[in-house]
N, C-alpha and C. Protein backbone atom coordinates (compact mmCIF):
# COMPACT_ATOMS: atom_id res chain seq x y z
N UNK A 1 -181.67 -139.86 28.15
CA UNK A 1 -181.01 -138.92 29.03
C UNK A 1 -179.59 -139.42 29.25
N UNK A 2 -178.61 -138.73 28.71
CA UNK A 2 -177.22 -139.15 28.76
C UNK A 2 -176.67 -139.06 30.18
N UNK A 3 -175.94 -140.11 30.59
CA UNK A 3 -175.33 -140.13 31.91
C UNK A 3 -176.30 -140.37 33.03
N UNK A 4 -177.51 -140.78 32.70
CA UNK A 4 -178.54 -140.99 33.72
C UNK A 4 -178.40 -142.36 34.36
N UNK A 5 -178.94 -142.45 35.54
CA UNK A 5 -179.10 -143.72 36.22
C UNK A 5 -180.59 -144.02 36.22
N UNK A 6 -180.94 -145.26 35.90
CA UNK A 6 -182.34 -145.66 35.97
C UNK A 6 -182.56 -146.33 37.32
N UNK A 7 -183.50 -145.79 38.06
CA UNK A 7 -183.87 -146.36 39.35
C UNK A 7 -185.20 -147.06 39.17
N UNK A 8 -185.24 -148.34 39.54
CA UNK A 8 -186.44 -149.16 39.37
C UNK A 8 -187.05 -149.41 40.75
N UNK A 9 -188.26 -148.93 40.91
CA UNK A 9 -189.01 -149.13 42.15
C UNK A 9 -190.04 -150.22 41.90
N UNK A 10 -190.05 -151.25 42.74
CA UNK A 10 -191.04 -152.32 42.63
C UNK A 10 -191.90 -152.29 43.88
N UNK A 11 -193.18 -152.59 43.70
CA UNK A 11 -194.08 -152.61 44.85
C UNK A 11 -195.53 -152.51 44.41
N UNK A 12 -196.30 -151.78 45.19
CA UNK A 12 -197.71 -151.56 44.90
C UNK A 12 -197.91 -150.04 44.84
N UNK A 13 -198.29 -149.56 43.66
CA UNK A 13 -198.36 -148.12 43.45
C UNK A 13 -199.72 -147.66 42.96
N UNK A 14 -200.14 -146.50 43.45
CA UNK A 14 -201.14 -145.70 42.75
C UNK A 14 -200.28 -144.87 41.82
N UNK A 15 -200.28 -145.22 40.55
CA UNK A 15 -199.33 -144.67 39.59
C UNK A 15 -199.31 -143.15 39.59
N UNK A 16 -200.47 -142.54 39.49
CA UNK A 16 -200.53 -141.07 39.43
C UNK A 16 -199.90 -140.44 40.67
N UNK A 17 -200.16 -140.99 41.82
CA UNK A 17 -199.64 -140.47 43.07
C UNK A 17 -198.11 -140.60 43.13
N UNK A 18 -197.60 -141.77 42.76
CA UNK A 18 -196.16 -141.98 42.83
C UNK A 18 -195.42 -141.12 41.81
N UNK A 19 -195.94 -141.02 40.60
CA UNK A 19 -195.30 -140.20 39.57
C UNK A 19 -195.27 -138.74 40.01
N UNK A 20 -196.35 -138.25 40.58
CA UNK A 20 -196.37 -136.87 41.08
C UNK A 20 -195.32 -136.69 42.18
N UNK A 21 -195.21 -137.66 43.07
CA UNK A 21 -194.22 -137.63 44.14
C UNK A 21 -192.80 -137.59 43.58
N UNK A 22 -192.53 -138.46 42.60
CA UNK A 22 -191.22 -138.52 41.93
C UNK A 22 -190.88 -137.17 41.31
N UNK A 23 -191.79 -136.60 40.57
CA UNK A 23 -191.53 -135.32 39.90
C UNK A 23 -191.29 -134.20 40.89
N UNK A 24 -192.05 -134.19 41.97
CA UNK A 24 -191.88 -133.17 43.01
C UNK A 24 -190.51 -133.28 43.67
N UNK A 25 -190.10 -134.50 44.03
CA UNK A 25 -188.80 -134.70 44.67
C UNK A 25 -187.66 -134.33 43.72
N UNK A 26 -187.80 -134.66 42.45
CA UNK A 26 -186.75 -134.31 41.48
C UNK A 26 -186.60 -132.80 41.37
N UNK A 27 -187.73 -132.09 41.31
CA UNK A 27 -187.66 -130.62 41.25
C UNK A 27 -187.00 -130.04 42.50
N UNK A 28 -187.37 -130.54 43.66
CA UNK A 28 -186.81 -130.03 44.91
C UNK A 28 -185.32 -130.25 44.99
N UNK A 29 -184.84 -131.35 44.42
CA UNK A 29 -183.42 -131.68 44.47
C UNK A 29 -182.67 -131.18 43.23
N UNK A 30 -183.35 -130.48 42.37
CA UNK A 30 -182.78 -129.93 41.13
C UNK A 30 -182.13 -131.03 40.28
N UNK A 31 -182.88 -132.10 40.09
CA UNK A 31 -182.45 -133.22 39.27
C UNK A 31 -183.30 -133.27 38.00
N UNK A 32 -182.74 -133.85 36.96
CA UNK A 32 -183.51 -134.14 35.76
C UNK A 32 -184.03 -135.56 35.91
N UNK A 33 -185.33 -135.74 35.80
CA UNK A 33 -185.92 -137.06 35.96
C UNK A 33 -187.00 -137.28 34.90
N UNK A 34 -186.99 -138.48 34.33
CA UNK A 34 -187.99 -138.87 33.35
C UNK A 34 -188.53 -140.24 33.76
N UNK A 35 -189.84 -140.32 33.95
CA UNK A 35 -190.46 -141.60 34.26
C UNK A 35 -190.55 -142.39 32.95
N UNK A 36 -189.87 -143.53 32.92
CA UNK A 36 -189.81 -144.34 31.70
C UNK A 36 -190.87 -145.43 31.68
N UNK A 37 -191.18 -146.00 32.83
CA UNK A 37 -192.19 -147.03 32.95
C UNK A 37 -193.03 -146.71 34.18
N UNK A 38 -194.34 -146.86 34.07
CA UNK A 38 -195.21 -146.59 35.21
C UNK A 38 -196.39 -147.55 35.18
N UNK A 39 -196.29 -148.61 35.98
CA UNK A 39 -197.37 -149.58 36.12
C UNK A 39 -197.68 -149.72 37.61
N UNK A 40 -198.78 -150.37 37.96
CA UNK A 40 -199.11 -150.51 39.37
C UNK A 40 -198.09 -151.29 40.20
N UNK A 41 -197.16 -152.00 39.54
CA UNK A 41 -196.16 -152.75 40.31
C UNK A 41 -194.71 -152.40 39.98
N UNK A 42 -194.48 -151.46 39.04
CA UNK A 42 -193.11 -151.10 38.68
C UNK A 42 -193.06 -149.67 38.14
N UNK A 43 -192.17 -148.87 38.71
CA UNK A 43 -191.93 -147.52 38.23
C UNK A 43 -190.44 -147.41 37.95
N UNK A 44 -190.08 -147.03 36.72
CA UNK A 44 -188.68 -146.82 36.35
C UNK A 44 -188.48 -145.34 36.06
N UNK A 45 -187.45 -144.78 36.68
CA UNK A 45 -187.17 -143.35 36.54
C UNK A 45 -185.71 -143.18 36.13
N UNK A 46 -185.47 -142.49 35.01
CA UNK A 46 -184.12 -142.11 34.61
C UNK A 46 -183.83 -140.77 35.26
N UNK A 47 -182.78 -140.71 36.05
CA UNK A 47 -182.48 -139.50 36.81
C UNK A 47 -181.00 -139.14 36.65
N UNK A 48 -180.74 -137.84 36.51
CA UNK A 48 -179.36 -137.39 36.43
C UNK A 48 -179.20 -136.10 37.22
N UNK A 49 -177.99 -135.91 37.70
CA UNK A 49 -177.65 -134.75 38.50
C UNK A 49 -176.51 -135.10 39.42
N UNK A 50 -176.31 -134.30 40.44
CA UNK A 50 -175.23 -134.56 41.39
C UNK A 50 -175.45 -135.91 42.08
N UNK A 51 -174.42 -136.76 42.12
CA UNK A 51 -174.59 -138.11 42.68
C UNK A 51 -175.19 -138.16 44.08
N UNK A 52 -174.78 -137.26 44.96
CA UNK A 52 -175.33 -137.27 46.32
C UNK A 52 -176.83 -136.95 46.31
N UNK A 53 -177.25 -136.09 45.38
CA UNK A 53 -178.67 -135.75 45.29
C UNK A 53 -179.47 -136.88 44.65
N UNK A 54 -178.85 -137.61 43.73
CA UNK A 54 -179.51 -138.79 43.16
C UNK A 54 -179.74 -139.82 44.27
N UNK A 55 -178.75 -139.99 45.15
CA UNK A 55 -178.91 -140.89 46.30
C UNK A 55 -180.06 -140.43 47.20
N UNK A 56 -180.12 -139.13 47.45
CA UNK A 56 -181.19 -138.58 48.29
C UNK A 56 -182.56 -138.79 47.63
N UNK A 57 -182.61 -138.63 46.32
CA UNK A 57 -183.84 -138.85 45.56
C UNK A 57 -184.29 -140.30 45.71
N UNK A 58 -183.35 -141.23 45.55
CA UNK A 58 -183.69 -142.65 45.70
C UNK A 58 -184.26 -142.94 47.09
N UNK A 59 -183.63 -142.39 48.12
CA UNK A 59 -184.09 -142.62 49.49
C UNK A 59 -185.48 -142.03 49.70
N UNK A 60 -185.68 -140.80 49.25
CA UNK A 60 -186.98 -140.15 49.42
C UNK A 60 -188.08 -140.93 48.72
N UNK A 61 -187.79 -141.37 47.49
CA UNK A 61 -188.81 -142.09 46.73
C UNK A 61 -189.05 -143.49 47.29
N UNK A 62 -188.04 -144.08 47.90
CA UNK A 62 -188.24 -145.41 48.47
C UNK A 62 -189.20 -145.35 49.66
N UNK A 63 -189.26 -144.19 50.30
CA UNK A 63 -190.24 -143.99 51.37
C UNK A 63 -191.61 -143.66 50.78
N UNK A 64 -191.60 -143.00 49.63
CA UNK A 64 -192.80 -142.77 48.82
C UNK A 64 -193.94 -142.08 49.50
N UNK A 65 -194.99 -141.82 48.75
CA UNK A 65 -196.21 -141.26 49.33
C UNK A 65 -196.92 -142.34 50.14
N UNK A 66 -197.78 -141.92 51.04
CA UNK A 66 -198.44 -142.83 51.98
C UNK A 66 -199.30 -143.90 51.29
N UNK A 67 -199.79 -143.60 50.09
CA UNK A 67 -200.69 -144.55 49.42
C UNK A 67 -199.96 -145.52 48.49
N UNK A 68 -198.64 -145.59 48.59
CA UNK A 68 -197.84 -146.50 47.77
C UNK A 68 -196.89 -147.27 48.67
N UNK A 69 -196.57 -148.49 48.26
CA UNK A 69 -195.66 -149.33 49.02
C UNK A 69 -194.51 -149.76 48.13
N UNK A 70 -193.31 -149.28 48.45
CA UNK A 70 -192.11 -149.67 47.72
C UNK A 70 -191.53 -150.89 48.42
N UNK A 71 -191.44 -151.98 47.68
CA UNK A 71 -190.89 -153.23 48.25
C UNK A 71 -189.42 -153.43 47.91
N UNK A 72 -188.98 -152.89 46.76
CA UNK A 72 -187.60 -153.10 46.34
C UNK A 72 -187.17 -151.93 45.45
N UNK A 73 -185.88 -151.63 45.49
CA UNK A 73 -185.30 -150.58 44.66
C UNK A 73 -183.99 -151.12 44.09
N UNK A 74 -183.78 -150.93 42.79
CA UNK A 74 -182.49 -151.28 42.19
C UNK A 74 -182.14 -150.23 41.16
N UNK A 75 -180.86 -150.18 40.80
CA UNK A 75 -180.36 -149.22 39.82
C UNK A 75 -179.78 -149.94 38.63
N UNK A 76 -179.88 -149.30 37.48
CA UNK A 76 -179.19 -149.77 36.30
C UNK A 76 -178.78 -148.56 35.48
N UNK A 77 -177.75 -148.71 34.66
CA UNK A 77 -177.30 -147.62 33.81
C UNK A 77 -178.30 -147.42 32.69
N UNK A 78 -178.55 -146.17 32.34
CA UNK A 78 -179.47 -145.85 31.24
C UNK A 78 -178.78 -146.24 29.94
N UNK A 79 -179.55 -146.76 29.00
CA UNK A 79 -178.99 -147.05 27.68
C UNK A 79 -179.05 -145.78 26.84
N UNK A 80 -177.90 -145.44 26.27
CA UNK A 80 -177.82 -144.19 25.50
C UNK A 80 -177.45 -144.53 24.08
């Protein structure tokens, strides 16, 4: 995904629940998002769109669904 930012969420995840949450938030914010890695302790999402909405997406996902615990969030540029 060209021009995307990869947001890495670390913590304890029910993968299916968190991925569903990520996809729902991306749709609501009209962002393009692709889950690149999804394990019980790390979820990486490549996201692109308006910068303010990407920030809102990061904040929403850091709060996550009730059955997941986000301990850390970091960003890196997507490799294109």
